[in-house]
Amino acid sequence: MAEILTPRPAATVLTLRDSPNGYEILMLRRNLNSDFVGGAYVFPGGGVDASDAGPAAQAIAVGISDVDASQRLNLESGGLAYYVACLRELFEEAGLLVACDEHNVPVTVEDQAALARMSQHRRDVNGGSLGFVDMMQREGLLLDLRGVAYLAHWVTPVGPPRRYDTRFFVALAPSGQVAAHDAGETVADQWVRPVDALVQHERGDLEMILPTIRNLEAIAHFSTASEVLEYANSQTSIPCIEPRIVDRGGEVVILIPGDEGFAD
């Protein structure tokens, strides 16, 4: 019997901004050569690192404590690391920094000097020569979790060579900043309304995996970013969804709880 891989803790974030025709969400296209969902459009995210859980990371986070974050995620402890990880990944993969200063004033990166400095920081963080938490401390900034809400919990099914235990969050995009893919793990970026992304997927123009699709479907009917945040915060119980991969007459089918045959 093949070994069943233990899913790696991960966090991903649906970044929202309002537009005249309804709110939009940031999506990134994975590198075609990636060994995990290559070519698919996804939300910024990745594995939770040890540095996301350390005392230094907790010290730069405002808006929620580890106790409250853990309770929200139904964990004994360590919940804050997922919140930190999703915003770290957003900075690394899309160049957006959701932060505030010591007076809780949101940070905007608009002047050329600040843009150049943060761009260099991003290259250093992605290159491994600078830690994300170290960068925040150097800039005297705090991660602003006041506009971040827990949305969903998915676990990669048994079978694929990589498995993730992923917490999905929603967050308001920081004003005065421009998103840009990292040209490494991701090769394209776009802001798109969830309803339009789903239509493009149905046409075959936007490749997406099941958790991405289902999370978009869950929030596509809302009109504004604040409504999505309110919905996420209002959820009293968030189930863990772990799909199953089954073979039906030679056809591979992915089932989730509630689908016919899932419990067989």
Protein backbone atom coordinates (compact mmCIF):
# COMPACT_ATOMS: atom_id res chain seq x y z
CA MET A 1 0.00 0.00 0.00
CA ALA A 2 1.34 3.44 -0.95
CA GLU A 3 2.20 5.83 1.85
CA ILE A 4 -0.50 8.39 2.61
CA LEU A 5 1.20 11.78 2.74
CA THR A 6 0.53 14.08 5.67
CA PRO A 7 -0.84 17.39 4.32
CA ARG A 8 1.40 20.41 4.84
CA PRO A 9 -0.23 23.39 6.60
CA ALA A 10 -0.89 26.17 4.07
CA ALA A 11 -2.69 29.48 3.75
CA THR A 12 -4.10 31.34 0.77
CA VAL A 13 -5.85 34.67 0.44
CA LEU A 14 -8.62 35.99 -1.75
CA THR A 15 -7.65 39.64 -2.12
CA LEU A 16 -10.60 41.95 -2.80
CA ARG A 17 -11.08 45.42 -4.21
CA ASP A 18 -14.23 47.30 -5.19
CA SER A 19 -14.84 48.45 -8.75
CA PRO A 20 -17.69 50.31 -10.50
CA ASN A 21 -19.18 47.03 -11.75
CA GLY A 22 -18.80 45.04 -8.56
CA TYR A 23 -15.88 43.85 -6.50
CA GLU A 24 -12.89 42.11 -8.07
CA ILE A 25 -10.52 39.45 -6.84
CA LEU A 26 -6.80 39.03 -7.57
CA MET A 27 -5.83 35.83 -9.38
CA LEU A 28 -2.38 34.62 -10.38
CA ARG A 29 -1.47 32.09 -13.04
CA ARG A 30 0.90 29.37 -11.89
CA ASN A 31 4.03 28.77 -13.94
CA LEU A 32 3.35 26.17 -16.64
CA ASN A 33 6.44 24.25 -15.48
CA SER A 34 5.26 24.08 -11.88
CA ASP A 35 4.89 20.57 -10.46
CA PHE A 36 1.74 21.68 -8.63
CA VAL A 37 -1.29 22.84 -10.69
CA GLY A 38 0.93 24.32 -13.40
CA GLY A 39 -0.94 26.77 -15.64
CA ALA A 40 -3.91 27.12 -13.30
CA TYR A 41 -5.21 30.43 -12.00
CA VAL A 42 -5.06 30.52 -8.21
CA PHE A 43 -5.13 32.89 -5.26
CA PRO A 44 -1.81 33.95 -3.68
CA GLY A 45 -0.78 31.40 -1.09
CA GLY A 46 1.60 28.68 0.00
CA GLY A 47 2.90 26.66 2.90
CA VAL A 48 3.06 27.96 6.45
CA ASP A 49 6.73 28.44 7.38
CA ALA A 50 8.29 28.10 10.82
CA SER A 51 9.02 31.83 10.76
CA ASP A 52 5.28 32.54 10.46
CA ALA A 53 4.72 30.97 13.88
CA GLY A 54 7.56 32.42 15.91
CA PRO A 55 7.37 35.08 18.62
CA ALA A 56 8.75 37.71 16.22
CA ALA A 57 5.90 37.07 13.78
CA GLN A 58 3.32 37.38 16.56
CA ALA A 59 4.91 40.66 17.66
CA ILE A 60 4.39 42.29 14.25
CA ALA A 61 0.75 41.21 13.86
CA VAL A 62 -2.15 43.44 14.91
CA GLY A 63 -5.87 42.84 14.71
CA ILE A 64 -6.10 39.32 16.15
CA SER A 65 -4.22 37.34 18.79
CA ASP A 66 -2.97 33.78 18.49
CA VAL A 67 -5.60 32.70 21.01
CA ASP A 68 -8.45 34.21 18.98
CA ALA A 69 -6.98 33.07 15.65
CA SER A 70 -6.59 29.52 16.94
CA GLN A 71 -10.14 29.49 18.24
CA ARG A 72 -11.41 30.75 14.89
CA LEU A 73 -9.50 28.01 13.02
CA ASN A 74 -10.49 25.36 15.59
CA LEU A 75 -6.88 24.75 16.63
CA GLU A 76 -5.37 24.37 20.08
CA SER A 77 -2.69 26.94 19.20
CA GLY A 78 -0.70 28.35 16.29
CA GLY A 79 -3.65 29.82 14.40
CA LEU A 80 -2.02 33.21 13.97
CA ALA A 81 0.70 31.63 11.80
CA TYR A 82 -1.87 30.99 9.05
CA TYR A 83 -2.90 34.64 9.03
CA VAL A 84 0.73 35.75 8.87
CA ALA A 85 1.48 33.22 6.12
CA CYS A 86 -1.34 34.37 3.84
CA LEU A 87 -0.17 38.00 3.96
CA ARG A 88 3.48 37.00 3.56
CA GLU A 89 2.57 34.99 0.47
CA LEU A 90 0.55 37.92 -0.86
CA PHE A 91 3.65 40.11 -0.63
CA GLU A 92 5.97 37.50 -2.11
CA GLU A 93 3.74 36.44 -5.00
CA ALA A 94 1.84 39.64 -5.79
CA GLY A 95 3.85 42.47 -4.23
CA LEU A 96 0.98 43.70 -2.04
CA LEU A 97 1.79 44.52 1.58
CA VAL A 98 -1.16 44.69 3.98
CA ALA A 99 0.47 46.62 6.80
CA CYS A 100 0.17 49.59 9.12
CA ASP A 101 2.53 51.71 11.17
CA GLU A 102 2.80 51.78 14.96
CA HIS A 103 -0.18 54.15 15.09
CA ASN A 104 -2.34 51.63 13.14
CA VAL A 105 -2.36 53.86 10.05
CA PRO A 106 -2.52 51.70 6.88
CA VAL A 107 0.61 51.81 4.77
CA THR A 108 0.53 53.05 1.20
CA VAL A 109 3.51 52.58 -1.10
CA GLU A 110 3.16 55.40 -3.62
CA ASP A 111 6.30 57.56 -3.84
CA GLN A 112 9.14 56.33 -6.03
CA ALA A 113 11.62 55.89 -3.19
CA ALA A 114 9.23 53.68 -1.22
CA LEU A 115 8.34 51.71 -4.34
CA ALA A 116 11.99 51.05 -5.13
CA ARG A 117 12.76 50.06 -1.55
CA MET A 118 9.82 47.66 -1.23
CA SER A 119 10.56 46.15 -4.65
CA GLN A 120 14.09 45.41 -3.50
CA HIS A 121 12.78 43.96 -0.25
CA ARG A 122 10.47 41.69 -2.22
CA ARG A 123 13.34 40.43 -4.37
CA ASP A 124 15.43 39.81 -1.26
CA VAL A 125 12.62 37.98 0.53
CA ASN A 126 11.89 35.81 -2.51
CA GLY A 127 15.60 35.19 -2.98
CA GLY A 128 16.03 34.08 0.61
CA SER A 129 18.54 36.73 1.66
CA LEU A 130 15.98 38.56 3.83
CA GLY A 131 13.27 37.15 6.06
CA PHE A 132 9.79 38.59 5.73
CA VAL A 133 9.52 39.27 9.46
CA ASP A 134 12.99 40.85 9.42
CA MET A 135 11.89 43.10 6.58
CA MET A 136 8.81 44.22 8.52
CA GLN A 137 10.93 44.97 11.58
CA ARG A 138 13.46 46.90 9.49
CA GLU A 139 10.67 49.07 8.07
CA GLY A 140 9.00 49.51 11.46
CA LEU A 141 5.74 48.04 10.10
CA LEU A 142 3.03 45.77 11.47
CA LEU A 143 0.94 43.22 9.61
CA ASP A 144 -2.59 44.60 9.54
CA LEU A 145 -4.97 41.69 10.13
CA ARG A 146 -7.98 43.89 10.88
CA GLY A 147 -9.30 43.43 7.34
CA VAL A 148 -8.55 39.71 7.08
CA ALA A 149 -11.25 37.07 7.62
CA TYR A 150 -11.24 33.27 7.61
CA LEU A 151 -13.33 31.84 4.77
CA ALA A 152 -12.81 28.11 4.17
CA HIS A 153 -10.78 24.99 4.92
CA TRP A 154 -9.74 22.47 2.26
CA VAL A 155 -7.41 19.48 2.36
CA THR A 156 -5.84 18.00 -0.78
CA PRO A 157 -7.24 14.49 -1.38
CA VAL A 158 -5.16 11.34 -1.01
CA GLY A 159 -3.32 10.53 -4.24
CA PRO A 160 -1.44 13.61 -5.53
CA PRO A 161 2.32 13.80 -4.83
CA ARG A 162 1.77 16.96 -2.78
CA ARG A 163 -0.91 17.47 -0.15
CA TYR A 164 -1.89 20.68 1.64
CA ASP A 165 -4.11 21.44 4.61
CA THR A 166 -5.15 24.89 3.43
CA ARG A 167 -6.97 27.68 5.21
CA PHE A 168 -8.57 30.23 2.87
CA PHE A 169 -8.84 33.87 3.92
CA VAL A 170 -10.30 37.02 2.40
CA ALA A 171 -8.59 40.40 2.71
CA LEU A 172 -9.06 43.93 1.45
CA ALA A 173 -6.39 44.99 -1.02
CA PRO A 174 -4.17 47.78 0.31
CA SER A 175 -4.81 51.16 -1.30
CA GLY A 176 -2.10 52.88 -3.28
CA GLN A 177 -0.35 49.63 -4.24
CA VAL A 178 -0.19 47.80 -7.56
CA ALA A 179 -0.18 44.01 -7.75
CA ALA A 180 2.37 42.26 -9.95
CA HIS A 181 3.13 38.54 -10.32
CA ASP A 182 6.60 37.40 -9.33
CA ALA A 183 7.58 36.08 -12.81
CA GLY A 184 8.77 32.89 -11.12
CA GLU A 185 6.14 30.78 -9.43
CA THR A 186 3.50 32.88 -11.17
CA VAL A 187 3.54 34.19 -14.75
CA ALA A 188 0.42 36.39 -14.98
CA ASP A 189 -1.95 38.33 -12.76
CA GLN A 190 -5.40 39.80 -13.20
CA TRP A 191 -8.20 41.40 -11.24
CA VAL A 192 -11.47 39.76 -12.17
CA ARG A 193 -15.00 39.62 -10.84
CA PRO A 194 -15.76 36.15 -9.43
CA VAL A 195 -18.77 35.78 -11.73
CA ASP A 196 -16.59 36.55 -14.76
CA ALA A 197 -13.87 34.14 -13.63
CA LEU A 198 -16.44 31.36 -13.36
CA VAL A 199 -17.82 32.13 -16.83
CA GLN A 200 -14.31 32.13 -18.30
CA HIS A 201 -13.64 28.79 -16.64
CA GLU A 202 -16.81 27.31 -18.14
CA ARG A 203 -15.64 28.50 -21.57
CA GLY A 204 -12.28 26.85 -21.03
CA ASP A 205 -10.41 30.16 -20.97
CA LEU A 206 -9.42 30.12 -17.28
CA GLU A 207 -8.05 26.92 -15.81
CA MET A 208 -8.90 26.51 -12.12
CA ILE A 209 -8.88 23.68 -9.60
CA LEU A 210 -11.88 22.61 -7.53
CA PRO A 211 -11.21 24.56 -4.29
CA THR A 212 -10.70 27.77 -6.31
CA ILE A 213 -13.96 27.23 -8.16
CA ARG A 214 -15.99 26.41 -5.07
CA ASN A 215 -14.66 29.38 -3.10
CA LEU A 216 -15.51 31.72 -5.97
CA GLU A 217 -19.00 30.20 -6.19
CA ALA A 218 -19.51 30.80 -2.46
CA ILE A 219 -18.94 34.57 -2.74
CA ALA A 220 -19.83 35.42 -6.35
CA HIS A 221 -23.31 36.72 -5.48
CA PHE A 222 -22.06 39.51 -3.24
CA SER A 223 -21.84 43.07 -4.56
CA THR A 224 -19.01 44.60 -2.53
CA ALA A 225 -15.79 43.56 -0.85
CA SER A 226 -17.17 44.51 2.57
CA GLU A 227 -20.10 42.13 2.07
CA VAL A 228 -17.66 39.28 1.47
CA LEU A 229 -15.78 40.14 4.66
CA GLU A 230 -19.03 40.30 6.61
CA TYR A 231 -20.04 36.89 5.25
CA ALA A 232 -16.71 35.32 6.18
CA ASN A 233 -16.82 36.77 9.69
CA SER A 234 -20.42 35.67 10.19
CA GLN A 235 -19.70 31.98 9.67
CA THR A 236 -20.04 30.17 12.99
CA SER A 237 -18.66 26.84 11.81
CA ILE A 238 -16.32 26.22 8.89
CA PRO A 239 -16.12 22.55 7.84
CA CYS A 240 -12.95 20.86 6.66
CA ILE A 241 -13.51 19.71 3.07
CA GLU A 242 -11.32 16.83 1.93
CA PRO A 243 -12.30 15.61 -1.56
CA ARG A 244 -11.92 12.03 -2.70
CA ILE A 245 -10.52 10.89 -6.04
CA VAL A 246 -12.39 7.89 -7.42
CA ASP A 247 -12.31 5.86 -10.62
CA ARG A 248 -15.67 5.44 -12.31
CA GLY A 249 -15.32 3.16 -15.29
CA GLY A 250 -11.91 4.50 -16.19
CA GLU A 251 -12.87 8.13 -15.61
CA VAL A 252 -11.26 9.99 -12.71
CA VAL A 253 -13.87 11.87 -10.68
CA ILE A 254 -13.37 14.20 -7.71
CA LEU A 255 -16.08 14.01 -5.06
CA ILE A 256 -16.69 16.26 -2.06
CA PRO A 257 -18.91 15.68 0.97
CA GLY A 258 -22.53 15.64 -0.15
CA ASP A 259 -21.79 14.21 -3.61
CA GLU A 260 -23.35 10.86 -4.48
CA GLY A 261 -20.91 8.07 -3.71
CA PHE A 262 -18.59 10.14 -1.52
CA ALA A 263 -19.22 8.00 1.57
CA ASP A 264 -18.88 4.66 -0.24
